[in-house]
Amino acid sequence: MRLHALILALFLALPVGGVAAQEQLRIPPQILVVDPRAVLEQSEAGREVLALNHAQRVALQAEADAVSEQFEKDELELAARRSLLTREAFAELAEDFDRRVRAARSEQDAKAEDLIEEIEARERAFIEGLNPIYAEILNEIGGAAVIDLRSVILADARLNITQEVIRRLDRRSDSPSVDPEQPAE
């Protein structure tokens, strides 16, 4: 009798598990979406990155403004000396002034390009640093992929994990952060 009860219990348990497995196979894997730019703009660590980027832009602009102001003073001084100099002497000073202006502009342009590359690299590193959080959520949900929301035409809002990523990132002490002394690679 006990054997019959045990066999009956096992028999009843099998179809339930089989049905559950079959149901699970019919559910398509979740494709999750995230807006990494929103994570950058709304998370604490992301705002640190953006604040550093802004501070560096402001500093570079202040430097460019100071150089420009100095050249304006130099130009006024050169113009004031024009009547005191021979044509050849003035032409030589004017040519030297133009050379210095072109060199300074070229230097400022190179610094601006370097800063843009550094900012882009820093933001890219921040976004790549989110991958462990994506993987964690993907594993918990049983998802198949995480796609950048900006590449999606239409998606169910329930698939958007952006706010969850921000919440988890803000809770972490090992979140992608910024060291102003270390340039981004």
C-alpha atoms as a PDB file:
ATOM      1  CA  MET A   1       0.000   0.000   0.000  1.00  0.00           C
ATOM      2  CA  ARG A   2       2.779   2.383   0.878  1.00  0.00           C
ATOM      3  CA  LEU A   3       4.508   1.601  -2.406  1.00  0.00           C
ATOM      4  CA  HIS A   4       1.315   2.403  -4.336  1.00  0.00           C
ATOM      5  CA  ALA A   5       0.958   5.705  -2.467  1.00  0.00           C
ATOM      6  CA  LEU A   6       4.579   6.597  -3.201  1.00  0.00           C
ATOM      7  CA  ILE A   7       4.225   5.748  -6.900  1.00  0.00           C
ATOM      8  CA  LEU A   8       1.005   7.747  -7.057  1.00  0.00           C
ATOM      9  CA  ALA A   9       2.669  10.741  -5.387  1.00  0.00           C
ATOM     10  CA  LEU A  10       5.615  10.611  -7.802  1.00  0.00           C
ATOM     11  CA  PHE A  11       3.258  10.216 -10.741  1.00  0.00           C
ATOM     12  CA  LEU A  12       1.256  13.265  -9.664  1.00  0.00           C
ATOM     13  CA  ALA A  13       4.423  15.284  -9.126  1.00  0.00           C
ATOM     14  CA  LEU A  14       5.860  14.590 -12.579  1.00  0.00           C
ATOM     15  CA  PRO A  15       3.209  16.177 -14.749  1.00  0.00           C
ATOM     16  CA  VAL A  16       3.236  19.342 -12.635  1.00  0.00           C
ATOM     17  CA  GLY A  17       6.973  19.736 -13.116  1.00  0.00           C
ATOM     18  CA  GLY A  18       6.684  18.826 -16.773  1.00  0.00           C
ATOM     19  CA  VAL A  19       3.903  21.349 -17.334  1.00  0.00           C
ATOM     20  CA  ALA A  20       5.876  24.057 -15.540  1.00  0.00           C
ATOM     21  CA  ALA A  21       8.923  23.325 -17.678  1.00  0.00           C
ATOM     22  CA  GLN A  22       6.798  23.367 -20.825  1.00  0.00           C
ATOM     23  CA  GLU A  23       5.247  26.697 -19.773  1.00  0.00           C
ATOM     24  CA  GLN A  24       8.690  28.142 -19.118  1.00  0.00           C
ATOM     25  CA  LEU A  25       9.848  27.110 -22.587  1.00  0.00           C
ATOM     26  CA  ARG A  26       6.875  28.898 -24.166  1.00  0.00           C
ATOM     27  CA  ILE A  27       7.706  32.188 -22.438  1.00  0.00           C
ATOM     28  CA  PRO A  28      10.045  34.082 -24.720  1.00  0.00           C
ATOM     29  CA  PRO A  29      13.269  35.300 -23.126  1.00  0.00           C
ATOM     30  CA  GLN A  30      13.148  38.893 -21.937  1.00  0.00           C
ATOM     31  CA  ILE A  31      14.963  41.498 -23.971  1.00  0.00           C
ATOM     32  CA  LEU A  32      15.597  44.312 -21.511  1.00  0.00           C
ATOM     33  CA  VAL A  33      16.302  47.916 -22.418  1.00  0.00           C
ATOM     34  CA  VAL A  34      18.316  50.571 -20.608  1.00  0.00           C
ATOM     35  CA  ASP A  35      19.170  54.197 -21.297  1.00  0.00           C
ATOM     36  CA  PRO A  36      22.852  54.480 -20.346  1.00  0.00           C
ATOM     37  CA  ARG A  37      22.807  58.252 -20.871  1.00  0.00           C
ATOM     38  CA  ALA A  38      19.997  58.568 -18.308  1.00  0.00           C
ATOM     39  CA  VAL A  39      22.048  56.435 -15.887  1.00  0.00           C
ATOM     40  CA  LEU A  40      24.982  58.797 -16.423  1.00  0.00           C
ATOM     41  CA  GLU A  41      22.826  61.880 -15.879  1.00  0.00           C
ATOM     42  CA  GLN A  42      20.701  60.637 -12.972  1.00  0.00           C
ATOM     43  CA  SER A  43      22.989  58.453 -10.838  1.00  0.00           C
ATOM     44  CA  GLU A  44      25.295  59.892  -8.193  1.00  0.00           C
ATOM     45  CA  ALA A  45      28.410  58.418  -9.803  1.00  0.00           C
ATOM     46  CA  GLY A  46      27.310  59.606 -13.231  1.00  0.00           C
ATOM     47  CA  ARG A  47      26.745  63.138 -11.967  1.00  0.00           C
ATOM     48  CA  GLU A  48      30.300  63.064 -10.582  1.00  0.00           C
ATOM     49  CA  VAL A  49      31.582  62.208 -14.060  1.00  0.00           C
ATOM     50  CA  LEU A  50      29.517  64.993 -15.638  1.00  0.00           C
ATOM     51  CA  ALA A  51      30.630  67.506 -12.987  1.00  0.00           C
ATOM     52  CA  LEU A  52      34.283  66.707 -13.653  1.00  0.00           C
ATOM     53  CA  ASN A  53      33.702  66.999 -17.405  1.00  0.00           C
ATOM     54  CA  HIS A  54      32.030  70.381 -16.911  1.00  0.00           C
ATOM     55  CA  ALA A  55      34.798  71.650 -14.612  1.00  0.00           C
ATOM     56  CA  GLN A  56      37.452  70.699 -17.142  1.00  0.00           C
ATOM     57  CA  ARG A  57      35.538  72.418 -19.963  1.00  0.00           C
ATOM     58  CA  VAL A  58      35.159  75.567 -17.861  1.00  0.00           C
ATOM     59  CA  ALA A  59      38.870  75.545 -16.978  1.00  0.00           C
ATOM     60  CA  LEU A  60      39.880  75.169 -20.615  1.00  0.00           C
ATOM     61  CA  GLN A  61      37.516  77.966 -21.654  1.00  0.00           C
ATOM     62  CA  ALA A  62      38.934  80.238 -18.912  1.00  0.00           C
ATOM     63  CA  GLU A  63      42.445  79.518 -20.179  1.00  0.00           C
ATOM     64  CA  ALA A  64      41.398  80.298 -23.764  1.00  0.00           C
ATOM     65  CA  ASP A  65      39.725  83.517 -22.621  1.00  0.00           C
ATOM     66  CA  ALA A  66      42.875  84.601 -20.746  1.00  0.00           C
ATOM     67  CA  VAL A  67      45.043  83.935 -23.801  1.00  0.00           C
ATOM     68  CA  SER A  68      42.599  85.861 -25.978  1.00  0.00           C
ATOM     69  CA  GLU A  69      42.547  88.816 -23.575  1.00  0.00           C
ATOM     70  CA  GLN A  70      46.343  88.945 -23.560  1.00  0.00           C
ATOM     71  CA  PHE A  71      46.438  88.958 -27.355  1.00  0.00           C
ATOM     72  CA  GLU A  72      43.879  91.770 -27.456  1.00  0.00           C
ATOM     73  CA  LYS A  73      46.130  93.829 -25.139  1.00  0.00           C
ATOM     74  CA  ASP A  74      49.180  92.966 -27.248  1.00  0.00           C
ATOM     75  CA  GLU A  75      47.326  93.974 -30.413  1.00  0.00           C
ATOM     76  CA  LEU A  76      46.301  97.329 -28.940  1.00  0.00           C
ATOM     77  CA  GLU A  77      49.878  97.928 -27.800  1.00  0.00           C
ATOM     78  CA  LEU A  78      51.195  97.039 -31.262  1.00  0.00           C
ATOM     79  CA  ALA A  79      48.658  99.376 -32.899  1.00  0.00           C
ATOM     80  CA  ALA A  80      49.687 102.189 -30.549  1.00  0.00           C
ATOM     81  CA  ARG A  81      53.360 101.699 -31.490  1.00  0.00           C
ATOM     82  CA  ARG A  82      52.632 101.672 -35.216  1.00  0.00           C
ATOM     83  CA  SER A  83      53.184 105.402 -35.710  1.00  0.00           C
ATOM     84  CA  LEU A  84      56.516 105.183 -33.859  1.00  0.00           C
ATOM     85  CA  LEU A  85      57.927 102.371 -35.987  1.00  0.00           C
ATOM     86  CA  THR A  86      59.172 102.124 -39.522  1.00  0.00           C
ATOM     87  CA  ARG A  87      57.013 100.191 -41.917  1.00  0.00           C
ATOM     88  CA  GLU A  88      59.487  97.295 -41.955  1.00  0.00           C
ATOM     89  CA  ALA A  89      59.811  97.178 -38.148  1.00  0.00           C
ATOM     90  CA  PHE A  90      56.044  97.251 -37.744  1.00  0.00           C
ATOM     91  CA  ALA A  91      55.560  94.545 -40.381  1.00  0.00           C
ATOM     92  CA  GLU A  92      58.091  92.348 -38.577  1.00  0.00           C
ATOM     93  CA  LEU A  93      56.327  92.840 -35.210  1.00  0.00           C
ATOM     94  CA  ALA A  94      52.910  92.261 -36.797  1.00  0.00           C
ATOM     95  CA  GLU A  95      54.111  89.061 -38.435  1.00  0.00           C
ATOM     96  CA  ASP A  96      55.548  87.847 -35.121  1.00  0.00           C
ATOM     97  CA  PHE A  97      52.239  88.689 -33.422  1.00  0.00           C
ATOM     98  CA  ASP A  98      50.275  86.756 -36.054  1.00  0.00           C
ATOM     99  CA  ARG A  99      52.593  83.745 -35.639  1.00  0.00           C
ATOM    100  CA  ARG A 100      52.065  83.766 -31.853  1.00  0.00           C
ATOM    101  CA  VAL A 101      48.272  84.035 -32.286  1.00  0.00           C
ATOM    102  CA  ARG A 102      48.181  81.143 -34.765  1.00  0.00           C
ATOM    103  CA  ALA A 103      50.376  79.011 -32.488  1.00  0.00           C
ATOM    104  CA  ALA A 104      48.197  79.777 -29.448  1.00  0.00           C
ATOM    105  CA  ARG A 105      45.011  78.965 -31.376  1.00  0.00           C
ATOM    106  CA  SER A 106      46.525  75.739 -32.600  1.00  0.00           C
ATOM    107  CA  GLU A 107      47.562  74.844 -29.041  1.00  0.00           C
ATOM    108  CA  GLN A 108      44.085  75.648 -27.694  1.00  0.00           C
ATOM    109  CA  ASP A 109      42.463  73.595 -30.467  1.00  0.00           C
ATOM    110  CA  ALA A 110      44.708  70.630 -29.604  1.00  0.00           C
ATOM    111  CA  LYS A 111      43.843  70.969 -25.911  1.00  0.00           C
ATOM    112  CA  ALA A 112      40.126  71.093 -26.768  1.00  0.00           C
ATOM    113  CA  GLU A 113      40.423  67.960 -28.936  1.00  0.00           C
ATOM    114  CA  ASP A 114      42.331  66.164 -26.164  1.00  0.00           C
ATOM    115  CA  LEU A 115      39.684  67.160 -23.638  1.00  0.00           C
ATOM    116  CA  ILE A 116      36.882  65.935 -25.880  1.00  0.00           C
ATOM    117  CA  GLU A 117      38.658  62.582 -26.256  1.00  0.00           C
ATOM    118  CA  GLU A 118      39.207  62.375 -22.483  1.00  0.00           C
ATOM    119  CA  ILE A 119      35.557  63.188 -21.740  1.00  0.00           C
ATOM    120  CA  GLU A 120      34.308  60.657 -24.285  1.00  0.00           C
ATOM    121  CA  ALA A 121      36.664  57.994 -22.896  1.00  0.00           C
ATOM    122  CA  ARG A 122      35.570  58.743 -19.324  1.00  0.00           C
ATOM    123  CA  GLU A 123      31.869  58.499 -20.228  1.00  0.00           C
ATOM    124  CA  ARG A 124      32.483  55.335 -22.255  1.00  0.00           C
ATOM    125  CA  ALA A 125      34.340  53.774 -19.292  1.00  0.00           C
ATOM    126  CA  PHE A 126      31.479  54.729 -16.976  1.00  0.00           C
ATOM    127  CA  ILE A 127      28.908  53.128 -19.267  1.00  0.00           C
ATOM    128  CA  GLU A 128      31.032  49.993 -19.722  1.00  0.00           C
ATOM    129  CA  GLY A 129      31.357  49.851 -15.926  1.00  0.00           C
ATOM    130  CA  LEU A 130      27.596  49.286 -15.750  1.00  0.00           C
ATOM    131  CA  ASN A 131      27.889  45.840 -17.348  1.00  0.00           C
ATOM    132  CA  PRO A 132      28.066  43.958 -14.010  1.00  0.00           C
ATOM    133  CA  ILE A 133      24.782  45.574 -12.931  1.00  0.00           C
ATOM    134  CA  TYR A 134      23.181  44.676 -16.264  1.00  0.00           C
ATOM    135  CA  ALA A 135      24.400  41.094 -15.867  1.00  0.00           C
ATOM    136  CA  GLU A 136      23.068  40.923 -12.326  1.00  0.00           C
ATOM    137  CA  ILE A 137      19.599  42.085 -13.394  1.00  0.00           C
ATOM    138  CA  LEU A 138      19.665  39.884 -16.487  1.00  0.00           C
ATOM    139  CA  ASN A 139      20.453  36.816 -14.355  1.00  0.00           C
ATOM    140  CA  GLU A 140      17.773  37.645 -11.783  1.00  0.00           C
ATOM    141  CA  ILE A 141      15.072  38.117 -14.401  1.00  0.00           C
ATOM    142  CA  GLY A 142      16.259  35.363 -16.691  1.00  0.00           C
ATOM    143  CA  GLY A 143      16.611  37.778 -19.550  1.00  0.00           C
ATOM    144  CA  ALA A 144      18.313  37.143 -22.839  1.00  0.00           C
ATOM    145  CA  ALA A 145      19.859  40.536 -23.579  1.00  0.00           C
ATOM    146  CA  VAL A 146      20.132  44.174 -22.522  1.00  0.00           C
ATOM    147  CA  ILE A 147      19.833  46.666 -25.366  1.00  0.00           C
ATOM    148  CA  ASP A 148      20.451  50.410 -25.402  1.00  0.00           C
ATOM    149  CA  LEU A 149      17.008  52.032 -25.344  1.00  0.00           C
ATOM    150  CA  ARG A 150      18.210  54.692 -27.781  1.00  0.00           C
ATOM    151  CA  SER A 151      18.477  51.949 -30.426  1.00  0.00           C
ATOM    152  CA  VAL A 152      14.943  50.683 -29.885  1.00  0.00           C
ATOM    153  CA  ILE A 153      11.995  52.034 -31.824  1.00  0.00           C
ATOM    154  CA  LEU A 154       9.261  50.738 -29.538  1.00  0.00           C
ATOM    155  CA  ALA A 155       9.344  48.706 -26.320  1.00  0.00           C
ATOM    156  CA  ASP A 156       7.075  47.849 -23.443  1.00  0.00           C
ATOM    157  CA  ALA A 157       7.949  50.183 -20.566  1.00  0.00           C
ATOM    158  CA  ARG A 158       8.110  47.170 -18.235  1.00  0.00           C
ATOM    159  CA  LEU A 159      11.278  46.064 -20.046  1.00  0.00           C
ATOM    160  CA  ASN A 160      13.098  49.309 -19.202  1.00  0.00           C
ATOM    161  CA  ILE A 161      15.569  48.691 -16.365  1.00  0.00           C
ATOM    162  CA  THR A 162      17.112  52.177 -16.334  1.00  0.00           C
ATOM    163  CA  GLN A 163      15.725  53.233 -12.937  1.00  0.00           C
ATOM    164  CA  GLU A 164      16.678  49.895 -11.401  1.00  0.00           C
ATOM    165  CA  VAL A 165      20.239  50.283 -12.701  1.00  0.00           C
ATOM    166  CA  ILE A 166      20.412  53.789 -11.201  1.00  0.00           C
ATOM    167  CA  ARG A 167      19.057  52.523  -7.873  1.00  0.00           C
ATOM    168  CA  ARG A 168      21.587  49.687  -7.715  1.00  0.00           C
ATOM    169  CA  LEU A 169      24.456  51.885  -8.828  1.00  0.00           C
ATOM    170  CA  ASP A 170      23.682  54.474  -6.168  1.00  0.00           C
ATOM    171  CA  ARG A 171      23.683  51.712  -3.519  1.00  0.00           C
ATOM    172  CA  ARG A 172      27.087  50.368  -4.514  1.00  0.00           C
ATOM    173  CA  SER A 173      30.326  51.584  -3.047  1.00  0.00           C
ATOM    174  CA  ASP A 174      32.269  50.157  -6.003  1.00  0.00           C
ATOM    175  CA  SER A 175      30.309  52.098  -8.600  1.00  0.00           C
ATOM    176  CA  PRO A 176      32.153  53.486 -11.610  1.00  0.00           C
ATOM    177  CA  SER A 177      33.636  56.670 -10.238  1.00  0.00           C
ATOM    178  CA  VAL A 178      35.953  59.448 -11.220  1.00  0.00           C
ATOM    179  CA  ASP A 179      39.499  60.108 -10.134  1.00  0.00           C
ATOM    180  CA  PRO A 180      40.375  63.608 -11.367  1.00  0.00           C
ATOM    181  CA  GLU A 181      44.073  62.766 -11.129  1.00  0.00           C
ATOM    182  CA  GLN A 182      43.745  59.742 -13.440  1.00  0.00           C
ATOM    183  CA  PRO A 183      42.878  60.531 -17.055  1.00  0.00           C
ATOM    184  CA  ALA A 184      40.397  58.175 -18.644  1.00  0.00           C
ATOM    185  CA  GLU A 185      41.893  55.748 -21.155  1.00  0.00           C
END
